[in-house]
Amino acid sequence: MNFNMKSATSAYVWIWLPNQTQPVVAGMIEKQNNKFLFTYGKSYRAREDAISLSPFELPLKMGTFEPKGMNTIHSCLRDAAPDAWGRRVILHEYPKLMADELDYMLFSGSNRIGALDFQLSSTEYIPRTTNVSKLADLLNAAEYIDKGLPLPAEVGTALMHGTSVGGARPKCLINDKEKYYIAKFPLSSDIYDLVKAEYIAMKMASLIPLEVSKIHLKTVLGKKILLIERFDRTVTKHGVSRHLLLSGLSLLSLNELEARYASYVDLAEIIRARFAQPKENLKELYQRLIFNVLIGNTDDHARNISAFWDGKYLKLTPAYDILPQLRSGQEASQAMLIEGNQDNLSTLSNILSICEHFLITQDEAKNLINAQIAIIQDNWLKLCEEADLPKVEREKLWRRSILNPFCLYGWNN
């Protein structure tokens, strides 16, 4: 892509259809009056294997779709665009760029999360890829950006490779033989060890057991980097297939400004009505809510939940971005609404009050909660040692974020 060009007014959406290793054009995005409209291509609609990009926002049919309500772009398309960190890298590299959503899509790397990509051409797919630098170079590059310093050219382009991944923390997309990873980096400005804290939380979640992404800790330049195996890629003998994802915001047809209205109860209703295996997915989501409250992960916003969509069935993806949030006080609430008898307070009693929405009885819910408490208590020290988390860092989290007395208040079950 010519980065000196004016802002684009249109782009083609390419998709990797289920079990395919090469993309095809699904349709076109056009900018009109600060809104981004989408139209499926006629040839795409004629394909026997064509699927909708979202059963909620973009059903597979003729016509031009305009985002509803306050949305300027359909949430399922926004899911594939960069988030805070990716946008920060792009603007760091191109400070004169007056970027809108379409620009961020076209300036970000093609190895993005999910099964979509954005191109200026409808006939030739040209991936925006880079030669992946050493993790040490990427770690240093993240520090450069965090401090607002110019990037060395050799690592600037490599870091751009990770601009299409979501989230606000520094990260990059890498691959090693037949594995694809998201690499998360620490920063010298971190007030606690976020990388090790996330590693411990994710490992703990797997013991519950929740379905979570596989993770690894790697030491680079004396610092720990978190490697998270991607669940949206499958390596086959014919190549690499990609899996289409819909975030919680897309499932609820909300945008970022409306994210504060997203709730676990509303998402449970979607799962009951639209998912292929509702009971299993409801239990998984409820277990994740319990775990988030117990470990102090209050940043459980709707973009941190997603589902696979293959054109027929929806299924929750493995959990990701589970991180205890540092806090000094006790009272807390979740980013995604609980809507229990204590409104949005992060307490076990509040979670218990909504269990029926997840087709779980009160007794079953109590057993799930008590089991999680026991697993956390029994494995905390072992996982801290595994992650080499110093005592001072443990004290920042234990009984403050993790098993804070507030979440246990009134819990006598």
Protein backbone atom coordinates (compact mmCIF):
# COMPACT_ATOMS: atom_id res chain seq x y z
CA MET A 1 0.00 0.00 0.00
CA ASN A 2 1.21 3.52 -0.78
CA PHE A 3 1.38 5.20 2.59
CA ASN A 4 1.54 8.67 1.01
CA MET A 5 -1.92 8.32 -0.47
CA LYS A 6 -4.95 10.24 0.72
CA SER A 7 -7.38 8.54 3.06
CA ALA A 8 -9.23 5.78 1.26
CA THR A 9 -12.97 6.05 0.74
CA SER A 10 -13.50 2.36 0.04
CA ALA A 11 -11.87 -1.01 0.57
CA TYR A 12 -12.56 -4.64 -0.26
CA VAL A 13 -13.16 -7.18 2.47
CA TRP A 14 -11.42 -10.49 1.86
CA ILE A 15 -12.36 -13.58 3.85
CA TRP A 16 -10.89 -17.02 4.49
CA LEU A 17 -13.92 -19.27 4.24
CA PRO A 18 -14.10 -22.27 6.62
CA ASN A 19 -11.37 -24.86 5.96
CA GLN A 20 -9.90 -22.81 3.10
CA THR A 21 -6.30 -21.59 2.93
CA GLN A 22 -6.74 -18.78 0.39
CA PRO A 23 -8.98 -15.71 0.75
CA VAL A 24 -11.79 -14.56 -1.52
CA VAL A 25 -13.52 -11.20 -1.81
CA ALA A 26 -16.68 -11.02 0.29
CA GLY A 27 -17.71 -7.44 -0.40
CA MET A 28 -16.85 -3.78 -0.20
CA ILE A 29 -16.81 -1.08 2.48
CA GLU A 30 -17.64 2.45 1.33
CA LYS A 31 -17.37 5.62 3.35
CA GLN A 32 -20.42 7.88 3.10
CA ASN A 33 -21.03 10.85 5.40
CA ASN A 34 -18.74 9.51 8.15
CA LYS A 35 -20.40 6.10 8.06
CA PHE A 36 -18.97 2.93 6.55
CA LEU A 37 -21.48 0.97 4.48
CA PHE A 38 -21.03 -2.65 3.46
CA THR A 39 -22.23 -4.53 0.39
CA TYR A 40 -21.68 -8.21 -0.38
CA GLY A 41 -20.28 -8.93 -3.83
CA LYS A 42 -22.65 -10.60 -6.29
CA SER A 43 -20.11 -13.32 -7.11
CA TYR A 44 -19.58 -13.98 -3.40
CA ARG A 45 -23.30 -14.35 -2.74
CA ALA A 46 -23.44 -16.85 -5.59
CA ARG A 47 -20.84 -19.13 -3.98
CA GLU A 48 -22.19 -22.34 -2.47
CA ASP A 49 -19.76 -22.03 0.45
CA ALA A 50 -20.37 -18.32 1.15
CA ILE A 51 -21.15 -17.37 4.74
CA SER A 52 -22.37 -14.17 6.34
CA LEU A 53 -19.80 -12.04 8.15
CA SER A 54 -22.27 -11.83 11.03
CA PRO A 55 -25.73 -13.36 11.47
CA PHE A 56 -26.66 -10.35 13.60
CA GLU A 57 -25.46 -7.40 11.53
CA LEU A 58 -24.66 -8.60 8.00
CA PRO A 59 -26.93 -11.45 6.87
CA LEU A 60 -25.92 -12.86 3.50
CA LYS A 61 -28.27 -11.10 1.11
CA MET A 62 -28.44 -8.45 -1.58
CA GLY A 63 -28.31 -4.76 -0.69
CA THR A 64 -26.16 -2.23 1.10
CA PHE A 65 -25.97 -2.41 4.89
CA GLU A 66 -25.74 0.78 6.93
CA PRO A 67 -24.59 0.59 10.57
CA LYS A 68 -27.49 1.04 12.96
CA GLY A 69 -27.86 3.47 15.83
CA MET A 70 -24.67 5.18 16.99
CA ASN A 71 -22.46 2.79 15.03
CA THR A 72 -20.34 4.28 12.26
CA ILE A 73 -19.11 0.84 11.20
CA HIS A 74 -20.48 -2.65 11.70
CA SER A 75 -19.02 -4.19 14.85
CA CYS A 76 -18.07 -7.42 13.07
CA LEU A 77 -15.83 -5.38 10.75
CA ARG A 78 -14.49 -3.28 13.60
CA ASP A 79 -13.47 -6.54 15.32
CA ALA A 80 -10.79 -6.99 12.65
CA ALA A 81 -9.39 -3.46 13.00
CA PRO A 82 -6.54 -2.43 15.32
CA ASP A 83 -7.24 -1.42 18.91
CA ALA A 84 -5.37 1.07 21.08
CA TRP A 85 -1.87 -0.41 20.79
CA GLY A 86 -2.06 -1.03 17.04
CA ARG A 87 -3.36 2.48 16.41
CA ARG A 88 -0.61 3.90 18.58
CA VAL A 89 2.05 2.11 16.52
CA ILE A 90 0.51 3.26 13.22
CA LEU A 91 0.32 6.89 14.34
CA HIS A 92 3.85 6.68 15.72
CA GLU A 93 5.09 5.59 12.30
CA TYR A 94 2.88 8.01 10.34
CA PRO A 95 2.36 11.05 12.61
CA LYS A 96 0.77 13.14 9.83
CA LEU A 97 -1.89 10.54 9.15
CA MET A 98 -5.43 11.75 9.89
CA ALA A 99 -6.71 8.22 10.22
CA ASP A 100 -10.27 6.93 10.30
CA GLU A 101 -11.46 3.33 10.68
CA LEU A 102 -10.81 2.50 7.04
CA ASP A 103 -7.26 3.85 7.22
CA TYR A 104 -6.50 1.80 10.32
CA MET A 105 -7.76 -1.30 8.53
CA LEU A 106 -5.59 -0.64 5.48
CA PHE A 107 -2.46 0.44 7.33
CA SER A 108 -2.42 -2.52 9.73
CA GLY A 109 -0.86 -5.92 9.09
CA SER A 110 -2.75 -8.62 7.21
CA ASN A 111 -2.11 -11.39 9.73
CA ARG A 112 -4.91 -10.00 11.85
CA ILE A 113 -7.08 -11.81 14.35
CA GLY A 114 -9.94 -13.70 12.73
CA ALA A 115 -10.54 -14.51 9.06
CA LEU A 116 -10.90 -11.07 7.45
CA ASP A 117 -8.49 -8.69 5.75
CA PHE A 118 -8.87 -5.39 3.92
CA GLN A 119 -7.43 -4.52 0.51
CA LEU A 120 -7.65 -1.77 -2.09
CA SER A 121 -7.96 -4.35 -4.86
CA SER A 122 -10.81 -6.75 -5.57
CA THR A 123 -8.75 -8.90 -7.93
CA GLU A 124 -5.31 -9.26 -6.37
CA TYR A 125 -4.68 -10.12 -2.74
CA ILE A 126 -1.40 -8.61 -1.52
CA PRO A 127 -0.77 -9.36 2.17
CA ARG A 128 0.84 -6.63 4.24
CA THR A 129 3.49 -8.69 5.97
CA THR A 130 6.98 -8.11 7.30
CA ASN A 131 9.99 -10.18 8.21
CA VAL A 132 9.53 -10.88 11.90
CA SER A 133 12.38 -9.46 13.97
CA LYS A 134 13.92 -11.09 16.99
CA LEU A 135 11.84 -10.87 20.15
CA ALA A 136 14.62 -8.80 21.72
CA ASP A 137 14.26 -6.17 18.97
CA LEU A 138 10.49 -6.13 19.34
CA LEU A 139 10.78 -5.78 23.11
CA ASN A 140 13.04 -2.76 22.66
CA ALA A 141 10.72 -1.32 20.01
CA ALA A 142 7.77 -1.48 22.41
CA GLU A 143 9.77 0.59 24.89
CA TYR A 144 10.63 3.13 22.17
CA ILE A 145 6.95 3.63 21.40
CA ASP A 146 5.94 3.77 25.05
CA LYS A 147 8.47 6.56 25.59
CA GLY A 148 7.56 8.37 22.37
CA LEU A 149 11.00 7.86 20.79
CA PRO A 150 11.67 7.34 17.05
CA LEU A 151 11.82 3.70 16.03
CA PRO A 152 14.84 2.20 14.28
CA ALA A 153 13.74 1.36 10.73
CA GLU A 154 14.56 -2.34 11.01
CA VAL A 155 12.17 -2.90 13.91
CA GLY A 156 9.56 -0.30 13.03
CA THR A 157 8.26 -2.32 10.09
CA ALA A 158 8.34 -5.53 12.10
CA LEU A 159 6.31 -4.01 14.91
CA MET A 160 3.75 -2.89 12.33
CA HIS A 161 3.11 -6.61 11.79
CA GLY A 162 1.30 -6.66 15.13
CA THR A 163 -0.84 -3.57 14.61
CA SER A 164 -3.92 -5.58 13.65
CA VAL A 165 -4.20 -7.38 16.99
CA GLY A 166 -6.58 -5.98 19.60
CA GLY A 167 -5.93 -4.54 23.03
CA ALA A 168 -4.09 -1.64 24.62
CA ARG A 169 -0.92 -3.43 25.76
CA PRO A 170 2.25 -3.77 23.61
CA LYS A 171 2.20 -6.95 21.56
CA CYS A 172 3.20 -8.46 18.25
CA LEU A 173 2.15 -11.39 16.06
CA ILE A 174 4.79 -14.04 15.44
CA ASN A 175 4.97 -17.60 14.19
CA ASP A 176 7.35 -20.46 14.85
CA LYS A 177 7.18 -23.46 12.52
CA GLU A 178 3.56 -24.66 12.82
CA LYS A 179 2.54 -22.43 15.73
CA TYR A 180 1.19 -18.90 15.63
CA TYR A 181 1.53 -16.67 18.67
CA ILE A 182 0.65 -13.31 20.13
CA ALA A 183 3.70 -12.02 22.03
CA LYS A 184 2.99 -9.63 24.91
CA PHE A 185 5.78 -7.43 26.22
CA PRO A 186 6.45 -5.79 29.60
CA LEU A 187 7.20 -2.07 29.87
CA SER A 188 9.52 -0.31 32.28
CA SER A 189 6.57 1.93 33.17
CA ASP A 190 4.46 -1.00 34.44
CA ILE A 191 3.57 -0.58 38.12
CA TYR A 192 3.35 -4.35 38.58
CA ASP A 193 4.45 -7.37 36.59
CA LEU A 194 1.55 -7.69 34.17
CA VAL A 195 3.17 -10.41 32.08
CA LYS A 196 3.71 -12.79 34.99
CA ALA A 197 0.35 -11.89 36.53
CA GLU A 198 -1.44 -12.79 33.29
CA TYR A 199 0.55 -16.01 33.01
CA ILE A 200 -0.46 -17.04 36.54
CA ALA A 201 -4.11 -16.11 35.94
CA MET A 202 -4.30 -18.02 32.66
CA LYS A 203 -2.60 -21.08 34.14
CA MET A 204 -4.95 -20.92 37.12
CA ALA A 205 -7.94 -20.67 34.77
CA SER A 206 -6.85 -23.87 33.01
CA LEU A 207 -6.99 -25.68 36.36
CA ILE A 208 -10.63 -24.66 37.04
CA PRO A 209 -10.87 -25.91 34.26
CA LEU A 210 -11.80 -23.13 31.85
CA GLU A 211 -11.10 -23.39 28.15
CA VAL A 212 -8.19 -20.98 27.71
CA SER A 213 -5.49 -20.18 25.19
CA LYS A 214 -2.24 -22.09 25.65
CA ILE A 215 0.51 -19.85 27.00
CA HIS A 216 4.26 -19.87 27.53
CA LEU A 217 6.76 -17.63 29.33
CA LYS A 218 9.97 -16.83 27.49
CA THR A 219 12.96 -14.92 28.86
CA VAL A 220 14.33 -12.21 26.56
CA LEU A 221 16.98 -9.70 27.67
CA GLY A 222 16.34 -10.73 31.25
CA LYS A 223 12.61 -9.98 30.97
CA LYS A 224 9.64 -12.31 30.68
CA ILE A 225 7.57 -12.24 27.49
CA LEU A 226 4.18 -13.95 27.32
CA LEU A 227 3.55 -16.11 24.26
CA ILE A 228 -0.10 -16.96 23.63
CA GLU A 229 -0.96 -19.61 21.06
CA ARG A 230 -3.50 -18.32 18.57
CA PHE A 231 -6.77 -20.24 18.33
CA ASP A 232 -7.84 -18.51 15.10
CA ARG A 233 -5.28 -20.36 12.97
CA THR A 234 -5.08 -24.02 11.93
CA VAL A 235 -2.08 -25.38 10.05
CA THR A 236 -2.99 -28.05 7.49
CA LYS A 237 -1.04 -29.88 4.80
CA HIS A 238 -2.53 -27.43 2.28
CA GLY A 239 -1.63 -24.27 4.18
CA VAL A 240 -3.06 -22.18 7.01
CA SER A 241 -6.79 -21.75 7.50
CA ARG A 242 -8.27 -18.91 9.51
CA HIS A 243 -11.32 -18.89 11.77
CA LEU A 244 -13.85 -16.08 11.76
CA LEU A 245 -14.49 -14.54 15.17
CA LEU A 246 -17.19 -12.27 16.55
CA SER A 247 -16.50 -10.29 19.71
CA GLY A 248 -18.98 -9.91 22.53
CA LEU A 249 -19.69 -6.43 21.22
CA SER A 250 -20.58 -7.86 17.82
CA LEU A 251 -22.76 -10.58 19.34
CA LEU A 252 -24.65 -7.83 21.17
CA SER A 253 -24.53 -5.43 18.17
CA LEU A 254 -22.83 -2.72 20.23
CA ASN A 255 -19.95 -0.34 19.53
CA GLU A 256 -17.19 0.91 21.84
CA LEU A 257 -19.28 3.83 23.07
CA GLU A 258 -22.07 1.43 23.97
CA ALA A 259 -19.78 -1.16 25.60
CA ARG A 260 -20.81 -0.03 29.09
CA TYR A 261 -24.28 -1.44 28.37
CA ALA A 262 -23.00 -4.94 27.58
CA SER A 263 -24.00 -7.48 30.21
CA TYR A 264 -23.43 -11.13 31.03
CA VAL A 265 -27.19 -11.66 31.24
CA ASP A 266 -27.75 -10.28 27.73
CA LEU A 267 -24.91 -12.39 26.36
CA ALA A 268 -26.38 -15.45 28.08
CA GLU A 269 -29.65 -14.77 26.27
CA ILE A 270 -27.81 -14.68 22.93
CA ILE A 271 -26.10 -17.98 23.76
CA ARG A 272 -29.39 -19.65 24.71
CA ALA A 273 -31.02 -18.51 21.48
CA ARG A 274 -28.25 -18.71 18.89
CA PHE A 275 -25.38 -21.00 19.95
CA ALA A 276 -25.12 -24.62 18.83
CA GLN A 277 -24.44 -26.03 22.31
CA PRO A 278 -26.04 -23.47 24.61
CA LYS A 279 -25.83 -25.37 27.90
CA GLU A 280 -22.08 -26.02 27.59
CA ASN A 281 -21.35 -22.46 26.47
CA LEU A 282 -23.50 -20.97 29.23
CA LYS A 283 -21.67 -22.94 31.90
CA GLU A 284 -18.31 -21.88 30.45
CA LEU A 285 -19.32 -18.21 30.46
CA TYR A 286 -20.66 -18.41 34.02
CA GLN A 287 -17.45 -20.09 35.18
CA ARG A 288 -15.45 -17.29 33.55
CA LEU A 289 -17.50 -14.68 35.38
CA ILE A 290 -16.86 -16.43 38.70
CA PHE A 291 -13.15 -16.59 37.97
CA ASN A 292 -12.95 -12.93 36.90
CA VAL A 293 -14.50 -11.86 40.20
CA LEU A 294 -12.31 -14.15 42.31
CA ILE A 295 -9.02 -13.00 40.75
CA GLY A 296 -9.96 -9.35 40.35
CA ASN A 297 -10.09 -9.26 36.55
CA THR A 298 -12.38 -6.23 36.34
CA ASP A 299 -11.35 -5.48 32.74
CA ASP A 300 -13.69 -8.16 31.38
CA HIS A 301 -15.21 -5.92 28.71
CA ALA A 302 -17.20 -7.38 25.83
CA ARG A 303 -14.30 -7.28 23.36
CA ASN A 304 -12.46 -9.66 25.69
CA ILE A 305 -15.04 -12.33 24.91
CA SER A 306 -15.49 -13.78 21.45
CA ALA A 307 -17.11 -16.63 19.56
CA PHE A 308 -16.22 -18.70 16.52
CA TRP A 309 -18.66 -18.26 13.62
CA ASP A 310 -18.52 -20.74 10.73
CA GLY A 311 -21.67 -19.62 8.96
CA LYS A 312 -23.85 -22.17 10.78
CA TYR A 313 -22.78 -22.38 14.40
CA LEU A 314 -21.52 -20.10 17.17
CA LYS A 315 -19.20 -21.34 19.91
CA LEU A 316 -17.22 -19.47 22.56
CA THR A 317 -13.53 -19.23 21.76
CA PRO A 318 -10.98 -20.08 24.44
CA ALA A 319 -10.71 -17.36 27.08
CA TYR A 320 -7.96 -14.74 26.76
CA ASP A 321 -6.74 -11.49 28.35
CA ILE A 322 -7.41 -12.73 31.89
CA LEU A 323 -5.42 -10.36 34.10
CA PRO A 324 -5.80 -9.43 37.79
CA GLN A 325 -6.22 -5.66 37.97
CA LEU A 326 -4.23 -3.94 40.69
CA ARG A 327 -6.37 -2.22 43.31
CA SER A 328 -5.76 -0.83 46.78
CA GLY A 329 -9.34 -0.71 48.06
CA GLN A 330 -11.96 -3.40 48.24
CA GLU A 331 -15.20 -2.49 46.46
CA ALA A 332 -15.09 -3.30 42.76
CA SER A 333 -17.35 -3.80 39.76
CA GLN A 334 -16.96 -5.59 36.44
CA ALA A 335 -16.48 -3.89 33.07
CA MET A 336 -19.26 -6.07 31.68
CA LEU A 337 -22.44 -5.71 33.69
CA ILE A 338 -23.53 -8.51 36.03
CA GLU A 339 -27.09 -7.18 36.52
CA GLY A 340 -27.61 -9.17 39.71
CA ASN A 341 -29.39 -8.28 42.94
CA GLN A 342 -26.37 -6.13 43.85
CA ASP A 343 -26.33 -4.40 40.47
CA ASN A 344 -22.76 -4.68 39.17
CA LEU A 345 -20.79 -5.29 42.35
CA SER A 346 -18.04 -7.89 42.06
CA THR A 347 -19.29 -10.26 44.76
CA LEU A 348 -20.02 -13.96 44.81
CA SER A 349 -23.50 -13.30 46.17
CA ASN A 350 -24.22 -11.10 43.17
CA ILE A 351 -23.02 -13.77 40.76
CA LEU A 352 -25.14 -16.37 42.52
CA SER A 353 -28.25 -14.25 41.99
CA ILE A 354 -28.05 -14.56 38.17
CA CYS A 355 -27.16 -18.26 37.85
CA GLU A 356 -30.58 -19.21 36.45
CA HIS A 357 -29.89 -17.10 33.35
CA PHE A 358 -27.12 -19.60 32.60
CA LEU A 359 -29.38 -22.64 33.18
CA ILE A 360 -27.51 -23.37 36.41
CA THR A 361 -29.26 -24.04 39.72
CA GLN A 362 -28.32 -22.28 42.96
CA ASP A 363 -26.79 -25.46 44.38
CA GLU A 364 -24.78 -26.07 41.21
CA ALA A 365 -23.57 -22.46 41.23
CA LYS A 366 -22.48 -22.70 44.87
CA ASN A 367 -20.51 -25.84 44.10
CA LEU A 368 -18.80 -24.20 41.12
CA ILE A 369 -17.87 -21.14 43.17
CA ASN A 370 -16.54 -23.12 46.14
CA ALA A 371 -14.52 -25.36 43.84
CA GLN A 372 -12.88 -22.35 42.22
CA ILE A 373 -12.00 -20.80 45.58
CA ALA A 374 -10.31 -24.04 46.65
CA ILE A 375 -8.36 -24.36 43.39
CA ILE A 376 -7.07 -20.78 43.66
CA GLN A 377 -6.03 -21.23 47.30
CA ASP A 378 -4.32 -24.56 46.60
CA ASN A 379 -2.37 -23.45 43.52
CA TRP A 380 -1.49 -19.78 44.10
CA LEU A 381 1.98 -20.27 45.59
CA LYS A 382 2.93 -23.04 43.18
CA LEU A 383 2.07 -20.90 40.16
CA CYS A 384 3.88 -17.88 41.62
CA GLU A 385 7.00 -20.01 41.92
CA GLU A 386 6.53 -21.37 38.40
CA ALA A 387 6.37 -17.80 37.07
CA ASP A 388 9.23 -16.67 39.34
CA LEU A 389 7.01 -13.90 40.76
CA PRO A 390 8.87 -12.11 43.59
CA LYS A 391 7.32 -11.88 47.05
CA VAL A 392 6.70 -8.14 46.75
CA GLU A 393 4.73 -8.73 43.53
CA ARG A 394 2.74 -11.52 45.15
CA GLU A 395 1.74 -9.21 47.98
CA LYS A 396 0.42 -6.66 45.47
CA LEU A 397 -2.06 -9.26 44.21
CA TRP A 398 -2.94 -11.72 46.98
CA ARG A 399 -6.03 -10.67 48.95
CA ARG A 400 -6.01 -7.38 47.03
CA SER A 401 -6.87 -8.44 43.50
CA ILE A 402 -7.02 -12.19 44.02
CA LEU A 403 -9.59 -13.32 46.61
CA ASN A 404 -10.16 -9.77 47.79
CA PRO A 405 -12.33 -9.87 50.95
CA PHE A 406 -14.96 -7.74 49.19
CA CYS A 407 -15.82 -10.47 46.67
CA LEU A 408 -16.15 -12.97 49.54
CA TYR A 409 -18.28 -10.72 51.75
CA GLY A 410 -21.32 -12.60 53.03
CA TRP A 411 -20.25 -15.84 51.36
CA ASN A 412 -20.95 -18.59 53.88
CA ASN A 413 -21.61 -21.43 51.49
